[in-house]
N, C-alpha and C. Protein backbone atom coordinates (compact mmCIF):
# COMPACT_ATOMS: atom_id res chain seq x y z
N MET A 1 -13.64 42.54 10.98
CA MET A 1 -14.87 42.20 10.30
C MET A 1 -14.65 41.20 9.18
N THR A 2 -13.45 41.18 8.58
CA THR A 2 -13.20 40.29 7.44
C THR A 2 -12.91 38.86 7.86
N SER A 3 -12.63 38.66 9.16
CA SER A 3 -12.25 37.31 9.58
C SER A 3 -13.42 36.34 9.52
N THR A 4 -14.63 36.85 9.75
CA THR A 4 -15.78 35.95 9.74
C THR A 4 -16.06 35.36 8.37
N PRO A 5 -16.16 36.18 7.29
CA PRO A 5 -16.37 35.59 5.97
C PRO A 5 -15.27 34.62 5.58
N MET A 6 -14.01 34.99 5.90
CA MET A 6 -12.90 34.10 5.55
C MET A 6 -13.03 32.78 6.31
N GLY A 7 -13.46 32.87 7.58
CA GLY A 7 -13.67 31.65 8.34
C GLY A 7 -14.75 30.79 7.74
N LEU A 8 -15.84 31.42 7.29
CA LEU A 8 -16.93 30.69 6.65
C LEU A 8 -16.46 30.07 5.35
N GLN A 9 -15.69 30.84 4.60
CA GLN A 9 -15.18 30.32 3.33
C GLN A 9 -14.25 29.14 3.57
N GLY A 10 -13.41 29.24 4.61
CA GLY A 10 -12.50 28.15 4.93
C GLY A 10 -13.26 26.90 5.32
N ALA A 11 -14.31 27.08 6.12
CA ALA A 11 -15.12 25.94 6.53
C ALA A 11 -15.80 25.31 5.33
N TYR A 12 -16.27 26.15 4.40
CA TYR A 12 -16.92 25.63 3.19
C TYR A 12 -15.94 24.81 2.35
N LEU A 13 -14.73 25.36 2.20
CA LEU A 13 -13.73 24.67 1.39
C LEU A 13 -13.32 23.35 2.03
N LEU A 14 -13.22 23.35 3.37
CA LEU A 14 -12.89 22.10 4.06
C LEU A 14 -13.99 21.07 3.88
N GLY A 15 -15.23 21.51 3.97
CA GLY A 15 -16.35 20.60 3.77
C GLY A 15 -16.41 20.07 2.35
N GLU A 16 -16.12 20.95 1.39
CA GLU A 16 -16.11 20.53 -0.01
C GLU A 16 -15.01 19.50 -0.25
N ARG A 17 -13.85 19.74 0.36
CA ARG A 17 -12.74 18.81 0.20
C ARG A 17 -13.07 17.46 0.83
N ALA A 18 -13.69 17.49 1.99
CA ALA A 18 -14.06 16.24 2.66
C ALA A 18 -15.05 15.45 1.82
N THR A 19 -16.01 16.15 1.20
CA THR A 19 -16.98 15.48 0.33
C THR A 19 -16.29 14.87 -0.87
N HIS A 20 -15.35 15.60 -1.45
CA HIS A 20 -14.58 15.11 -2.60
C HIS A 20 -13.80 13.86 -2.22
N ASP A 21 -13.11 13.90 -1.08
CA ASP A 21 -12.31 12.77 -0.65
C ASP A 21 -13.17 11.55 -0.35
N GLU A 22 -14.34 11.79 0.23
CA GLU A 22 -15.25 10.69 0.55
C GLU A 22 -15.75 10.02 -0.72
N LEU A 23 -16.10 10.84 -1.73
CA LEU A 23 -16.58 10.28 -2.99
C LEU A 23 -15.46 9.54 -3.71
N ARG A 24 -14.27 10.11 -3.70
CA ARG A 24 -13.13 9.45 -4.34
C ARG A 24 -12.85 8.10 -3.69
N SER A 25 -12.89 8.06 -2.37
CA SER A 25 -12.66 6.81 -1.65
C SER A 25 -13.74 5.78 -2.00
N ARG A 26 -15.00 6.24 -2.11
CA ARG A 26 -16.07 5.32 -2.45
C ARG A 26 -15.90 4.77 -3.86
N LEU A 27 -15.50 5.61 -4.79
CA LEU A 27 -15.29 5.16 -6.16
C LEU A 27 -14.16 4.12 -6.24
N LEU A 28 -13.09 4.35 -5.50
CA LEU A 28 -11.99 3.39 -5.49
C LEU A 28 -12.42 2.07 -4.86
N ASP A 29 -13.20 2.14 -3.80
CA ASP A 29 -13.70 0.91 -3.16
C ASP A 29 -14.58 0.13 -4.13
N VAL A 30 -15.46 0.83 -4.83
CA VAL A 30 -16.33 0.16 -5.80
C VAL A 30 -15.49 -0.49 -6.90
N ALA A 31 -14.52 0.26 -7.42
CA ALA A 31 -13.70 -0.25 -8.52
C ALA A 31 -12.89 -1.47 -8.10
N VAL A 32 -12.26 -1.41 -6.93
CA VAL A 32 -11.42 -2.54 -6.51
C VAL A 32 -12.27 -3.77 -6.19
N ASN A 33 -13.47 -3.56 -5.68
CA ASN A 33 -14.36 -4.68 -5.42
C ASN A 33 -14.83 -5.33 -6.73
N LEU A 34 -15.14 -4.52 -7.73
CA LEU A 34 -15.50 -5.06 -9.04
C LEU A 34 -14.33 -5.83 -9.65
N LEU A 35 -13.14 -5.28 -9.52
CA LEU A 35 -11.95 -5.94 -10.05
C LEU A 35 -11.77 -7.31 -9.41
N GLN A 36 -11.97 -7.38 -8.11
CA GLN A 36 -11.77 -8.64 -7.39
C GLN A 36 -12.85 -9.67 -7.70
N THR A 37 -14.09 -9.22 -7.82
CA THR A 37 -15.20 -10.17 -7.99
C THR A 37 -15.49 -10.51 -9.45
N ASP A 38 -15.35 -9.52 -10.34
CA ASP A 38 -15.76 -9.73 -11.73
C ASP A 38 -14.63 -9.57 -12.75
N GLY A 39 -13.42 -9.26 -12.28
CA GLY A 39 -12.30 -9.16 -13.20
C GLY A 39 -12.15 -7.79 -13.84
N PRO A 40 -11.07 -7.60 -14.61
CA PRO A 40 -10.74 -6.28 -15.16
C PRO A 40 -11.77 -5.75 -16.15
N ASP A 41 -12.50 -6.63 -16.85
CA ASP A 41 -13.49 -6.14 -17.80
C ASP A 41 -14.63 -5.39 -17.14
N SER A 42 -14.77 -5.56 -15.82
CA SER A 42 -15.85 -4.88 -15.10
C SER A 42 -15.54 -3.42 -14.83
N LEU A 43 -14.31 -2.99 -15.08
CA LEU A 43 -13.91 -1.62 -14.78
C LEU A 43 -14.33 -0.67 -15.89
N ALA A 44 -15.59 -0.69 -16.22
CA ALA A 44 -16.16 0.27 -17.16
C ALA A 44 -16.69 1.46 -16.38
N MET A 45 -16.44 2.65 -16.89
CA MET A 45 -16.83 3.86 -16.16
C MET A 45 -18.32 3.88 -15.85
N ARG A 46 -19.13 3.45 -16.80
CA ARG A 46 -20.58 3.48 -16.60
C ARG A 46 -20.99 2.54 -15.46
N ARG A 47 -20.36 1.35 -15.42
CA ARG A 47 -20.72 0.40 -14.37
C ARG A 47 -20.28 0.90 -13.00
N ILE A 48 -19.07 1.46 -12.94
CA ILE A 48 -18.58 2.00 -11.67
C ILE A 48 -19.50 3.12 -11.18
N ALA A 49 -19.92 3.98 -12.12
CA ALA A 49 -20.80 5.08 -11.76
C ALA A 49 -22.13 4.56 -11.23
N THR A 50 -22.66 3.55 -11.88
CA THR A 50 -23.93 2.97 -11.43
C THR A 50 -23.80 2.39 -10.03
N GLU A 51 -22.72 1.63 -9.80
CA GLU A 51 -22.50 1.01 -8.50
C GLU A 51 -22.29 2.06 -7.40
N ALA A 52 -21.62 3.17 -7.76
CA ALA A 52 -21.30 4.20 -6.77
C ALA A 52 -22.41 5.23 -6.61
N GLY A 53 -23.37 5.23 -7.52
CA GLY A 53 -24.46 6.19 -7.44
C GLY A 53 -24.07 7.59 -7.85
N CYS A 54 -23.25 7.70 -8.90
CA CYS A 54 -22.86 9.01 -9.40
C CYS A 54 -22.87 8.98 -10.93
N THR A 55 -22.44 10.06 -11.55
CA THR A 55 -22.40 10.12 -13.00
C THR A 55 -21.00 9.74 -13.50
N THR A 56 -20.94 9.33 -14.77
CA THR A 56 -19.63 9.04 -15.36
C THR A 56 -18.77 10.29 -15.45
N THR A 57 -19.43 11.44 -15.58
CA THR A 57 -18.69 12.71 -15.65
C THR A 57 -17.84 12.91 -14.40
N VAL A 58 -18.39 12.57 -13.24
CA VAL A 58 -17.65 12.69 -11.99
C VAL A 58 -16.38 11.83 -12.03
N ILE A 59 -16.51 10.61 -12.53
CA ILE A 59 -15.36 9.70 -12.57
C ILE A 59 -14.31 10.22 -13.54
N TYR A 60 -14.74 10.66 -14.72
CA TYR A 60 -13.78 11.20 -15.69
C TYR A 60 -13.10 12.46 -15.15
N THR A 61 -13.85 13.28 -14.41
CA THR A 61 -13.26 14.49 -13.83
C THR A 61 -12.19 14.14 -12.79
N MET A 62 -12.45 13.10 -11.98
CA MET A 62 -11.51 12.73 -10.93
C MET A 62 -10.28 11.98 -11.45
N PHE A 63 -10.49 11.09 -12.41
CA PHE A 63 -9.41 10.17 -12.80
C PHE A 63 -8.95 10.32 -14.25
N GLY A 64 -9.68 11.06 -15.04
CA GLY A 64 -9.27 11.27 -16.43
C GLY A 64 -9.77 10.20 -17.38
N ASN A 65 -9.32 8.97 -17.15
CA ASN A 65 -9.71 7.85 -17.99
C ASN A 65 -9.47 6.55 -17.23
N ARG A 66 -9.65 5.42 -17.91
CA ARG A 66 -9.49 4.13 -17.24
C ARG A 66 -8.05 3.93 -16.75
N GLU A 67 -7.10 4.41 -17.51
CA GLU A 67 -5.70 4.31 -17.10
C GLU A 67 -5.45 5.12 -15.83
N GLY A 68 -6.04 6.32 -15.77
CA GLY A 68 -5.91 7.14 -14.58
C GLY A 68 -6.55 6.50 -13.37
N LEU A 69 -7.68 5.83 -13.58
CA LEU A 69 -8.34 5.11 -12.49
C LEU A 69 -7.46 3.97 -12.00
N ALA A 70 -6.85 3.22 -12.93
CA ALA A 70 -5.98 2.11 -12.55
C ALA A 70 -4.79 2.60 -11.73
N GLU A 71 -4.22 3.73 -12.15
CA GLU A 71 -3.07 4.28 -11.41
C GLU A 71 -3.50 4.76 -10.02
N ALA A 72 -4.69 5.34 -9.93
CA ALA A 72 -5.20 5.78 -8.62
C ALA A 72 -5.40 4.58 -7.70
N LEU A 73 -5.91 3.48 -8.24
CA LEU A 73 -6.07 2.26 -7.45
C LEU A 73 -4.72 1.73 -6.99
N TYR A 74 -3.75 1.75 -7.88
CA TYR A 74 -2.39 1.28 -7.58
C TYR A 74 -1.80 2.08 -6.41
N LEU A 75 -1.93 3.39 -6.48
CA LEU A 75 -1.37 4.24 -5.43
C LEU A 75 -2.16 4.11 -4.14
N GLU A 76 -3.47 3.95 -4.25
CA GLU A 76 -4.30 3.78 -3.05
C GLU A 76 -3.91 2.50 -2.31
N GLY A 77 -3.60 1.46 -3.06
CA GLY A 77 -3.19 0.21 -2.43
C GLY A 77 -1.93 0.39 -1.60
N PHE A 78 -0.93 1.06 -2.15
CA PHE A 78 0.30 1.29 -1.40
C PHE A 78 0.07 2.23 -0.22
N GLU A 79 -0.82 3.19 -0.38
CA GLU A 79 -1.12 4.09 0.73
C GLU A 79 -1.78 3.33 1.87
N ARG A 80 -2.65 2.39 1.55
CA ARG A 80 -3.28 1.59 2.60
C ARG A 80 -2.26 0.73 3.31
N PHE A 81 -1.30 0.19 2.56
CA PHE A 81 -0.24 -0.59 3.19
C PHE A 81 0.59 0.30 4.11
N ARG A 82 0.86 1.53 3.66
CA ARG A 82 1.65 2.45 4.50
C ARG A 82 0.94 2.71 5.81
N ARG A 83 -0.36 2.99 5.75
CA ARG A 83 -1.11 3.26 6.97
C ARG A 83 -1.13 2.04 7.89
N PHE A 84 -1.22 0.86 7.30
CA PHE A 84 -1.22 -0.37 8.09
C PHE A 84 0.09 -0.51 8.85
N LEU A 85 1.21 -0.27 8.17
CA LEU A 85 2.52 -0.40 8.81
C LEU A 85 2.76 0.72 9.82
N GLU A 86 2.31 1.93 9.50
CA GLU A 86 2.48 3.05 10.43
C GLU A 86 1.73 2.81 11.74
N ALA A 87 0.69 1.99 11.69
CA ALA A 87 -0.12 1.73 12.88
C ALA A 87 0.52 0.72 13.83
N VAL A 88 1.61 0.07 13.39
CA VAL A 88 2.29 -0.89 14.27
C VAL A 88 2.95 -0.13 15.42
N PRO A 89 2.61 -0.46 16.67
CA PRO A 89 3.18 0.28 17.81
C PRO A 89 4.69 0.10 17.90
N GLN A 90 5.35 1.14 18.38
CA GLN A 90 6.79 1.05 18.62
C GLN A 90 7.08 0.01 19.69
N ARG A 91 8.17 -0.72 19.52
CA ARG A 91 8.57 -1.73 20.49
C ARG A 91 9.72 -1.20 21.34
N GLY A 92 10.23 -2.06 22.21
CA GLY A 92 11.28 -1.65 23.13
C GLY A 92 12.58 -1.28 22.44
N THR A 93 12.92 -1.99 21.37
CA THR A 93 14.16 -1.72 20.64
C THR A 93 13.85 -1.61 19.15
N PRO A 94 14.73 -0.96 18.38
CA PRO A 94 14.52 -0.88 16.94
C PRO A 94 14.41 -2.26 16.28
N PHE A 95 15.16 -3.23 16.77
CA PHE A 95 15.11 -4.56 16.17
C PHE A 95 13.76 -5.23 16.44
N GLU A 96 13.22 -5.04 17.63
CA GLU A 96 11.90 -5.59 17.94
C GLU A 96 10.83 -4.95 17.06
N HIS A 97 10.99 -3.66 16.80
CA HIS A 97 10.02 -2.99 15.94
C HIS A 97 10.12 -3.51 14.51
N LEU A 98 11.33 -3.71 14.02
CA LEU A 98 11.52 -4.23 12.67
C LEU A 98 10.88 -5.61 12.52
N THR A 99 11.11 -6.48 13.48
CA THR A 99 10.55 -7.82 13.39
C THR A 99 9.01 -7.81 13.50
N ALA A 100 8.46 -6.77 14.14
CA ALA A 100 6.99 -6.65 14.23
C ALA A 100 6.39 -6.19 12.91
N LEU A 101 7.17 -5.50 12.08
CA LEU A 101 6.65 -5.01 10.80
C LEU A 101 6.42 -6.16 9.81
N GLY A 102 7.18 -7.25 9.95
CA GLY A 102 7.03 -8.37 9.03
C GLY A 102 5.64 -8.98 9.05
N PRO A 103 5.15 -9.44 10.20
CA PRO A 103 3.79 -9.98 10.27
C PRO A 103 2.73 -8.96 9.86
N ALA A 104 2.95 -7.69 10.18
CA ALA A 104 1.99 -6.65 9.82
C ALA A 104 1.90 -6.51 8.30
N TYR A 105 3.03 -6.62 7.62
CA TYR A 105 3.01 -6.52 6.16
C TYR A 105 2.22 -7.67 5.54
N ARG A 106 2.42 -8.87 6.06
CA ARG A 106 1.66 -10.02 5.56
C ARG A 106 0.17 -9.82 5.80
N GLN A 107 -0.19 -9.34 6.97
CA GLN A 107 -1.60 -9.10 7.28
C GLN A 107 -2.20 -8.07 6.32
N ALA A 108 -1.43 -7.03 6.01
CA ALA A 108 -1.91 -6.01 5.09
C ALA A 108 -2.17 -6.60 3.70
N CYS A 109 -1.26 -7.44 3.25
CA CYS A 109 -1.42 -8.06 1.93
C CYS A 109 -2.66 -8.95 1.88
N LEU A 110 -2.86 -9.75 2.90
CA LEU A 110 -3.99 -10.67 2.91
C LEU A 110 -5.31 -9.95 3.17
N ALA A 111 -5.25 -8.80 3.83
CA ALA A 111 -6.47 -8.05 4.14
C ALA A 111 -6.99 -7.26 2.94
N GLU A 112 -6.13 -7.02 1.95
CA GLU A 112 -6.51 -6.22 0.79
C GLU A 112 -6.25 -7.00 -0.50
N PRO A 113 -6.96 -8.11 -0.71
CA PRO A 113 -6.67 -8.96 -1.88
C PRO A 113 -6.87 -8.26 -3.22
N GLY A 114 -7.89 -7.39 -3.29
CA GLY A 114 -8.12 -6.68 -4.55
C GLY A 114 -6.98 -5.75 -4.90
N TYR A 115 -6.55 -4.96 -3.92
CA TYR A 115 -5.42 -4.06 -4.15
C TYR A 115 -4.14 -4.86 -4.39
N TYR A 116 -3.94 -5.92 -3.64
CA TYR A 116 -2.73 -6.72 -3.80
C TYR A 116 -2.62 -7.23 -5.24
N SER A 117 -3.72 -7.74 -5.77
CA SER A 117 -3.67 -8.30 -7.13
C SER A 117 -3.31 -7.23 -8.15
N LEU A 118 -3.76 -6.01 -7.93
CA LEU A 118 -3.43 -4.92 -8.84
C LEU A 118 -1.97 -4.49 -8.67
N MET A 119 -1.51 -4.42 -7.43
CA MET A 119 -0.17 -3.93 -7.15
C MET A 119 0.92 -4.90 -7.57
N PHE A 120 0.66 -6.20 -7.41
CA PHE A 120 1.74 -7.18 -7.58
C PHE A 120 1.46 -8.30 -8.57
N GLU A 121 0.23 -8.42 -9.05
CA GLU A 121 -0.11 -9.56 -9.90
C GLU A 121 -0.68 -9.16 -11.26
N ARG A 122 -0.53 -7.91 -11.64
CA ARG A 122 -0.98 -7.43 -12.95
C ARG A 122 -2.44 -7.80 -13.21
N ALA A 123 -3.29 -7.46 -12.26
CA ALA A 123 -4.71 -7.81 -12.36
C ALA A 123 -5.40 -7.09 -13.52
N ILE A 124 -4.85 -5.96 -13.96
CA ILE A 124 -5.41 -5.23 -15.10
C ILE A 124 -4.44 -5.39 -16.27
N PRO A 125 -4.71 -6.27 -17.22
CA PRO A 125 -3.79 -6.49 -18.35
C PRO A 125 -3.49 -5.18 -19.10
N GLY A 126 -2.21 -4.97 -19.37
CA GLY A 126 -1.80 -3.80 -20.11
C GLY A 126 -1.52 -2.58 -19.26
N PHE A 127 -1.92 -2.61 -17.99
CA PHE A 127 -1.66 -1.45 -17.13
C PHE A 127 -0.22 -1.43 -16.67
N GLU A 128 0.45 -0.31 -16.89
CA GLU A 128 1.82 -0.11 -16.43
C GLU A 128 1.87 1.18 -15.63
N PRO A 129 2.18 1.10 -14.33
CA PRO A 129 2.27 2.34 -13.54
C PRO A 129 3.33 3.26 -14.11
N SER A 130 3.09 4.56 -14.03
CA SER A 130 4.09 5.53 -14.46
C SER A 130 5.29 5.49 -13.53
N GLU A 131 6.38 6.08 -13.97
CA GLU A 131 7.57 6.14 -13.11
C GLU A 131 7.27 6.92 -11.83
N ARG A 132 6.46 7.96 -11.95
CA ARG A 132 6.07 8.72 -10.76
C ARG A 132 5.31 7.82 -9.80
N ALA A 133 4.39 7.02 -10.32
CA ALA A 133 3.59 6.15 -9.45
C ALA A 133 4.48 5.10 -8.79
N ARG A 134 5.44 4.56 -9.52
CA ARG A 134 6.35 3.56 -8.93
C ARG A 134 7.19 4.19 -7.82
N THR A 135 7.64 5.42 -8.05
CA THR A 135 8.43 6.11 -7.03
C THR A 135 7.59 6.36 -5.77
N LEU A 136 6.36 6.81 -5.96
CA LEU A 136 5.48 7.05 -4.81
C LEU A 136 5.13 5.74 -4.11
N ALA A 137 4.96 4.68 -4.88
CA ALA A 137 4.64 3.37 -4.29
C ALA A 137 5.77 2.89 -3.39
N ARG A 138 6.98 3.00 -3.89
CA ARG A 138 8.13 2.56 -3.08
C ARG A 138 8.30 3.45 -1.86
N ALA A 139 8.00 4.74 -2.00
CA ALA A 139 8.11 5.65 -0.87
C ALA A 139 7.12 5.29 0.24
N ALA A 140 6.02 4.65 -0.13
CA ALA A 140 5.05 4.25 0.88
C ALA A 140 5.62 3.22 1.85
N LEU A 141 6.69 2.55 1.44
CA LEU A 141 7.31 1.54 2.28
C LEU A 141 8.56 2.08 2.99
N ASN A 142 8.71 3.40 2.98
CA ASN A 142 9.89 3.99 3.62
C ASN A 142 9.96 3.71 5.12
N ILE A 143 8.82 3.37 5.72
CA ILE A 143 8.84 3.02 7.14
C ILE A 143 9.76 1.83 7.38
N LEU A 144 9.83 0.91 6.42
CA LEU A 144 10.72 -0.23 6.53
C LEU A 144 12.18 0.22 6.45
N ASP A 145 12.46 1.14 5.53
CA ASP A 145 13.82 1.68 5.42
C ASP A 145 14.24 2.36 6.72
N ARG A 146 13.30 3.13 7.32
CA ARG A 146 13.63 3.85 8.55
C ARG A 146 13.88 2.88 9.71
N ALA A 147 13.08 1.83 9.78
CA ALA A 147 13.27 0.84 10.85
C ALA A 147 14.62 0.15 10.70
N ILE A 148 14.99 -0.15 9.47
CA ILE A 148 16.29 -0.79 9.22
C ILE A 148 17.43 0.18 9.54
N ALA A 149 17.27 1.44 9.16
CA ALA A 149 18.29 2.44 9.47
C ALA A 149 18.49 2.56 10.98
N ASP A 150 17.40 2.51 11.74
CA ASP A 150 17.51 2.56 13.20
C ASP A 150 18.26 1.35 13.73
N CYS A 151 18.02 0.19 13.12
CA CYS A 151 18.72 -1.03 13.55
C CYS A 151 20.21 -0.96 13.23
N ILE A 152 20.54 -0.33 12.11
CA ILE A 152 21.95 -0.17 11.75
C ILE A 152 22.64 0.79 12.71
N SER A 153 21.98 1.92 12.99
CA SER A 153 22.60 2.93 13.85
C SER A 153 22.76 2.46 15.29
N THR A 154 21.93 1.51 15.72
CA THR A 154 22.03 0.99 17.09
C THR A 154 22.82 -0.32 17.17
N GLY A 155 23.41 -0.72 16.04
CA GLY A 155 24.33 -1.85 16.07
C GLY A 155 23.72 -3.23 15.90
N TYR A 156 22.45 -3.31 15.53
CA TYR A 156 21.82 -4.63 15.34
C TYR A 156 22.15 -5.22 13.96
N LEU A 157 22.20 -4.34 12.95
CA LEU A 157 22.45 -4.79 11.59
C LEU A 157 23.74 -4.19 11.05
N VAL A 158 24.34 -4.86 10.08
CA VAL A 158 25.61 -4.43 9.53
C VAL A 158 25.44 -3.09 8.80
N PRO A 159 26.47 -2.25 8.82
CA PRO A 159 26.38 -0.96 8.14
C PRO A 159 26.29 -1.15 6.62
N THR A 160 25.21 -0.72 6.04
CA THR A 160 25.02 -0.75 4.59
C THR A 160 23.85 0.16 4.27
N GLN A 161 23.50 0.28 3.00
CA GLN A 161 22.35 1.09 2.62
C GLN A 161 21.08 0.42 3.13
N PRO A 162 20.27 1.12 3.93
CA PRO A 162 19.03 0.51 4.44
C PRO A 162 18.15 -0.06 3.35
N ARG A 163 18.09 0.61 2.22
CA ARG A 163 17.21 0.13 1.14
C ARG A 163 17.68 -1.22 0.59
N LYS A 164 18.97 -1.48 0.65
CA LYS A 164 19.48 -2.77 0.19
C LYS A 164 18.87 -3.90 1.01
N ILE A 165 18.84 -3.73 2.32
CA ILE A 165 18.24 -4.74 3.20
C ILE A 165 16.72 -4.76 3.03
N ALA A 166 16.14 -3.57 2.91
CA ALA A 166 14.68 -3.48 2.77
C ALA A 166 14.20 -4.19 1.52
N ASP A 167 14.92 -4.00 0.41
CA ASP A 167 14.50 -4.64 -0.84
C ASP A 167 14.66 -6.16 -0.77
N ALA A 168 15.71 -6.63 -0.11
CA ALA A 168 15.89 -8.08 0.06
C ALA A 168 14.77 -8.66 0.91
N LEU A 169 14.41 -7.94 1.98
CA LEU A 169 13.33 -8.39 2.86
C LEU A 169 12.00 -8.35 2.13
N TRP A 170 11.78 -7.31 1.34
CA TRP A 170 10.55 -7.17 0.57
C TRP A 170 10.41 -8.31 -0.44
N ALA A 171 11.52 -8.64 -1.11
CA ALA A 171 11.48 -9.72 -2.09
C ALA A 171 11.16 -11.06 -1.43
N ALA A 172 11.77 -11.31 -0.30
CA ALA A 172 11.49 -12.57 0.42
C ALA A 172 10.03 -12.63 0.85
N ALA A 173 9.53 -11.52 1.37
CA ALA A 173 8.13 -11.47 1.83
C ALA A 173 7.18 -11.68 0.68
N GLN A 174 7.43 -11.01 -0.45
CA GLN A 174 6.52 -11.12 -1.58
C GLN A 174 6.48 -12.53 -2.16
N GLY A 175 7.64 -13.19 -2.19
CA GLY A 175 7.67 -14.55 -2.71
C GLY A 175 6.80 -15.48 -1.88
N ALA A 176 6.91 -15.39 -0.56
CA ALA A 176 6.13 -16.26 0.32
C ALA A 176 4.65 -15.92 0.25
N ILE A 177 4.32 -14.63 0.19
CA ILE A 177 2.91 -14.23 0.13
C ILE A 177 2.27 -14.69 -1.17
N SER A 178 2.99 -14.57 -2.28
CA SER A 178 2.45 -15.01 -3.57
C SER A 178 2.16 -16.50 -3.56
N LEU A 179 3.05 -17.29 -2.98
CA LEU A 179 2.82 -18.73 -2.89
C LEU A 179 1.64 -19.04 -1.98
N GLU A 180 1.52 -18.28 -0.89
CA GLU A 180 0.40 -18.49 0.02
C GLU A 180 -0.92 -18.14 -0.66
N ARG A 181 -0.96 -17.03 -1.38
CA ARG A 181 -2.19 -16.63 -2.07
C ARG A 181 -2.57 -17.61 -3.17
N ALA A 182 -1.58 -18.26 -3.76
CA ALA A 182 -1.85 -19.23 -4.82
C ALA A 182 -2.24 -20.60 -4.27
N GLY A 183 -2.21 -20.75 -2.94
CA GLY A 183 -2.63 -22.00 -2.32
C GLY A 183 -1.53 -23.01 -2.12
N HIS A 184 -0.28 -22.62 -2.40
CA HIS A 184 0.84 -23.55 -2.24
C HIS A 184 1.34 -23.62 -0.80
N LEU A 185 1.03 -22.61 0.00
CA LEU A 185 1.38 -22.59 1.42
C LEU A 185 0.11 -22.43 2.22
N ARG A 186 0.00 -23.17 3.31
CA ARG A 186 -1.25 -23.19 4.06
C ARG A 186 -1.31 -22.17 5.19
N ASP A 187 -0.17 -21.64 5.58
CA ASP A 187 -0.16 -20.67 6.67
C ASP A 187 1.05 -19.76 6.52
N GLY A 188 1.33 -18.96 7.56
CA GLY A 188 2.40 -17.98 7.48
C GLY A 188 3.75 -18.44 7.98
N ARG A 189 3.91 -19.75 8.22
CA ARG A 189 5.17 -20.21 8.79
C ARG A 189 6.34 -20.04 7.82
N THR A 190 6.11 -20.31 6.55
CA THR A 190 7.20 -20.12 5.58
C THR A 190 7.53 -18.64 5.44
N TYR A 191 6.51 -17.81 5.43
CA TYR A 191 6.73 -16.36 5.39
C TYR A 191 7.63 -15.93 6.54
N GLU A 192 7.32 -16.39 7.73
CA GLU A 192 8.12 -16.03 8.90
C GLU A 192 9.55 -16.55 8.77
N ALA A 193 9.68 -17.76 8.23
CA ALA A 193 11.01 -18.36 8.10
C ALA A 193 11.88 -17.59 7.12
N VAL A 194 11.33 -17.24 5.95
CA VAL A 194 12.16 -16.59 4.93
C VAL A 194 12.46 -15.14 5.30
N THR A 195 11.51 -14.45 5.94
CA THR A 195 11.80 -13.07 6.34
C THR A 195 12.80 -13.03 7.50
N THR A 196 12.68 -13.97 8.42
CA THR A 196 13.64 -14.05 9.52
C THR A 196 15.03 -14.37 8.99
N ALA A 197 15.10 -15.32 8.06
CA ALA A 197 16.40 -15.70 7.48
C ALA A 197 17.04 -14.53 6.76
N THR A 198 16.24 -13.73 6.08
CA THR A 198 16.78 -12.57 5.36
C THR A 198 17.37 -11.57 6.34
N ILE A 199 16.64 -11.28 7.40
CA ILE A 199 17.16 -10.34 8.41
C ILE A 199 18.44 -10.88 9.04
N CYS A 200 18.47 -12.20 9.30
CA CYS A 200 19.64 -12.80 9.94
C CYS A 200 20.89 -12.67 9.08
N CYS A 201 20.71 -12.58 7.77
CA CYS A 201 21.87 -12.41 6.87
C CYS A 201 22.62 -11.10 7.14
N TYR A 202 21.93 -10.13 7.75
CA TYR A 202 22.52 -8.81 7.96
C TYR A 202 22.77 -8.50 9.44
N LEU A 203 22.57 -9.49 10.30
CA LEU A 203 22.81 -9.26 11.73
C LEU A 203 24.29 -9.06 12.01
N VAL A 204 24.58 -8.19 12.94
CA VAL A 204 25.96 -7.99 13.39
C VAL A 204 26.34 -9.17 14.29
N GLU A 205 27.45 -9.78 14.00
CA GLU A 205 27.91 -10.91 14.82
C GLU A 205 28.43 -10.40 16.15
N LYS A 206 27.93 -10.99 17.22
CA LYS A 206 28.35 -10.59 18.57
C LYS A 206 29.48 -11.50 19.03
N ASN A 207 30.53 -10.89 19.52
CA ASN A 207 31.67 -11.69 20.02
C ASN A 207 31.40 -12.18 21.45
């Protein structure tokens, strides 16, 4: 007899959680769009609440303050990048999969300009992610570390710490993307060249 009420309570809690997550996602979308279109001064709690159709109390309850909102946006950006990379289909070999992640990362950066500016271009002056947020942000890119580790274990790349290669590849990718976003590069050819060159530095030489 007790299973039915518990089932109803569980369904209620799941529905409540879904509503919470939906509202949180909407608030982040509103905030990042304001940041992109009107700049950091637009990130006032009252304006975000008006745009999202809720009260400022809801925003303060979810994020604490403007700093908490900025950190939530920062983490959301990396989470979106993680989902984008996770969606890349597996290829025939680990090396083919690794090379497929490069173009996907560029696409993710260009598809989310508001989040990108916050994550990599200090779009909110004075905002500094906490050490916890930085650790979680880097963990969102662990798919790259795993792909590199698979390439090492199957003999495509030289034996070393996967993160060493991942960070070198990340740095090369970010440099090219930043130049492209600033209008100095007209397409993705330089991005492809520098990321390919970085991977080639770690290829195992075949006799």
